[in-house]
Amino acid sequence: MKRFSTTLLMLTLATLLGGCAAEVGSDEWCADMKEKPKGDWTMNEAKDFARHCILK
C-alpha cells in the first residue's frame, strides 16, 4: 500500500509541475528557449522555435 501511495504522489506532482510550463510559441516560451543551451533542444523544440519565434 505504501508503494501505491508513493507512486500516486509522484504522478500527481509530475502532473502539477508539467502544467506550469509556458505555452509553446508564447513570448515567455521563446525567452526560455533563448536561455536554454541549443545542444539541449529537441528536434521538436527547434522546429517550434523557428516557427513561432523567428518566423512570426
N, C-alpha and C. Protein backbone atom coordinates (compact mmCIF):
# COMPACT_ATOMS: atom_id res chain seq x y z
N MET A 1 0.82 -1.18 0.00
CA MET A 1 0.00 0.00 0.00
C MET A 1 0.87 1.26 0.00
N LYS A 2 1.99 1.23 0.70
CA LYS A 2 2.86 2.40 0.76
C LYS A 2 3.44 2.70 -0.63
N ARG A 3 3.76 1.67 -1.37
CA ARG A 3 4.31 1.85 -2.71
C ARG A 3 3.30 2.53 -3.63
N PHE A 4 2.03 2.13 -3.51
CA PHE A 4 0.98 2.72 -4.32
C PHE A 4 0.82 4.21 -4.01
N SER A 5 0.81 4.56 -2.73
CA SER A 5 0.62 5.96 -2.36
C SER A 5 1.82 6.81 -2.79
N THR A 6 3.02 6.24 -2.73
CA THR A 6 4.21 6.96 -3.18
C THR A 6 4.14 7.20 -4.68
N THR A 7 3.73 6.20 -5.43
CA THR A 7 3.60 6.32 -6.87
C THR A 7 2.53 7.35 -7.23
N LEU A 8 1.43 7.30 -6.52
CA LEU A 8 0.35 8.26 -6.77
C LEU A 8 0.81 9.68 -6.48
N LEU A 9 1.55 9.88 -5.40
CA LEU A 9 2.08 11.20 -5.07
C LEU A 9 3.03 11.70 -6.15
N MET A 10 3.90 10.85 -6.63
CA MET A 10 4.85 11.25 -7.67
C MET A 10 4.14 11.60 -8.96
N LEU A 11 3.14 10.84 -9.35
CA LEU A 11 2.38 11.16 -10.56
C LEU A 11 1.63 12.48 -10.42
N THR A 12 1.08 12.73 -9.26
CA THR A 12 0.37 13.98 -9.01
C THR A 12 1.32 15.16 -9.11
N LEU A 13 2.49 15.06 -8.49
CA LEU A 13 3.47 16.14 -8.55
C LEU A 13 3.95 16.38 -9.98
N ALA A 14 4.19 15.31 -10.72
CA ALA A 14 4.63 15.46 -12.11
C ALA A 14 3.57 16.16 -12.94
N THR A 15 2.33 15.84 -12.71
CA THR A 15 1.23 16.47 -13.45
C THR A 15 1.14 17.95 -13.11
N LEU A 16 1.24 18.28 -11.84
CA LEU A 16 1.15 19.68 -11.43
C LEU A 16 2.33 20.49 -11.95
N LEU A 17 3.52 19.95 -11.88
CA LEU A 17 4.70 20.68 -12.35
C LEU A 17 4.72 20.81 -13.86
N GLY A 18 4.22 19.82 -14.56
CA GLY A 18 4.17 19.86 -16.01
C GLY A 18 3.21 20.92 -16.51
N GLY A 19 2.21 21.24 -15.72
CA GLY A 19 1.23 22.24 -16.10
C GLY A 19 1.75 23.67 -15.96
N CYS A 20 2.92 23.83 -15.39
CA CYS A 20 3.47 25.17 -15.15
C CYS A 20 4.34 25.66 -16.31
N ALA A 21 4.59 24.83 -17.28
CA ALA A 21 5.44 25.22 -18.40
C ALA A 21 4.71 26.25 -19.27
N ALA A 22 5.48 27.16 -19.84
CA ALA A 22 4.91 28.18 -20.72
C ALA A 22 4.39 27.52 -22.00
N GLU A 23 3.36 28.12 -22.56
CA GLU A 23 2.77 27.59 -23.80
C GLU A 23 3.75 27.79 -24.95
N VAL A 24 3.88 26.76 -25.77
CA VAL A 24 4.78 26.82 -26.93
C VAL A 24 4.35 27.98 -27.83
N GLY A 25 5.33 28.81 -28.16
CA GLY A 25 5.07 29.95 -29.04
C GLY A 25 4.82 31.25 -28.30
N SER A 26 4.62 31.18 -26.99
CA SER A 26 4.40 32.42 -26.23
C SER A 26 5.72 33.17 -26.09
N ASP A 27 5.63 34.45 -25.76
CA ASP A 27 6.84 35.25 -25.58
C ASP A 27 7.71 34.68 -24.46
N GLU A 28 7.07 34.19 -23.40
CA GLU A 28 7.81 33.60 -22.28
C GLU A 28 8.55 32.34 -22.73
N TRP A 29 7.88 31.51 -23.52
CA TRP A 29 8.50 30.28 -24.02
C TRP A 29 9.68 30.61 -24.92
N CYS A 30 9.53 31.58 -25.80
CA CYS A 30 10.63 31.98 -26.68
C CYS A 30 11.82 32.47 -25.87
N ALA A 31 11.56 33.25 -24.83
CA ALA A 31 12.65 33.75 -23.97
C ALA A 31 13.33 32.59 -23.24
N ASP A 32 12.55 31.64 -22.76
CA ASP A 32 13.12 30.47 -22.08
C ASP A 32 13.99 29.66 -23.03
N MET A 33 13.55 29.52 -24.27
CA MET A 33 14.32 28.74 -25.25
C MET A 33 15.62 29.45 -25.61
N LYS A 34 15.60 30.79 -25.65
CA LYS A 34 16.82 31.53 -25.95
C LYS A 34 17.86 31.33 -24.85
N GLU A 35 17.41 31.13 -23.61
CA GLU A 35 18.31 30.92 -22.48
C GLU A 35 18.82 29.48 -22.41
N LYS A 36 18.05 28.54 -22.94
CA LYS A 36 18.40 27.12 -22.88
C LYS A 36 19.51 26.83 -23.89
N PRO A 37 20.55 26.07 -23.50
CA PRO A 37 21.62 25.74 -24.45
C PRO A 37 21.07 25.01 -25.67
N LYS A 38 21.50 25.42 -26.85
CA LYS A 38 20.96 24.85 -28.08
C LYS A 38 21.23 23.34 -28.19
N GLY A 39 22.28 22.87 -27.56
CA GLY A 39 22.58 21.44 -27.57
C GLY A 39 21.58 20.62 -26.79
N ASP A 40 20.80 21.27 -25.93
CA ASP A 40 19.79 20.57 -25.13
C ASP A 40 18.40 20.60 -25.77
N TRP A 41 18.25 21.27 -26.88
CA TRP A 41 16.95 21.34 -27.56
C TRP A 41 16.64 20.02 -28.23
N THR A 42 15.36 19.66 -28.24
CA THR A 42 14.92 18.51 -29.03
C THR A 42 14.63 19.00 -30.45
N MET A 43 14.46 18.08 -31.36
CA MET A 43 14.12 18.46 -32.74
C MET A 43 12.78 19.21 -32.77
N ASN A 44 11.83 18.78 -31.98
CA ASN A 44 10.52 19.45 -31.96
C ASN A 44 10.64 20.86 -31.40
N GLU A 45 11.46 21.04 -30.37
CA GLU A 45 11.65 22.38 -29.81
C GLU A 45 12.30 23.30 -30.83
N ALA A 46 13.29 22.81 -31.56
CA ALA A 46 13.96 23.63 -32.58
C ALA A 46 12.97 24.02 -33.68
N LYS A 47 12.16 23.08 -34.09
CA LYS A 47 11.16 23.36 -35.13
C LYS A 47 10.15 24.38 -34.64
N ASP A 48 9.65 24.20 -33.41
CA ASP A 48 8.68 25.13 -32.84
C ASP A 48 9.28 26.51 -32.64
N PHE A 49 10.55 26.57 -32.21
CA PHE A 49 11.23 27.86 -32.02
C PHE A 49 11.32 28.59 -33.35
N ALA A 50 11.72 27.90 -34.40
CA ALA A 50 11.82 28.53 -35.71
C ALA A 50 10.44 29.02 -36.18
N ARG A 51 9.43 28.21 -36.00
CA ARG A 51 8.09 28.55 -36.47
C ARG A 51 7.48 29.71 -35.69
N HIS A 52 7.61 29.69 -34.35
CA HIS A 52 6.89 30.65 -33.52
C HIS A 52 7.71 31.87 -33.11
N CYS A 53 9.03 31.74 -33.07
CA CYS A 53 9.84 32.84 -32.53
C CYS A 53 10.62 33.57 -33.61
N ILE A 54 11.02 32.88 -34.65
CA ILE A 54 11.82 33.51 -35.71
C ILE A 54 10.93 33.94 -36.87
N LEU A 55 10.04 33.07 -37.31
CA LEU A 55 9.21 33.34 -38.48
C LEU A 55 7.85 33.92 -38.12
N LYS A 56 7.75 34.59 -37.00
CA LYS A 56 6.49 35.18 -36.55
C LYS A 56 5.89 36.10 -37.55
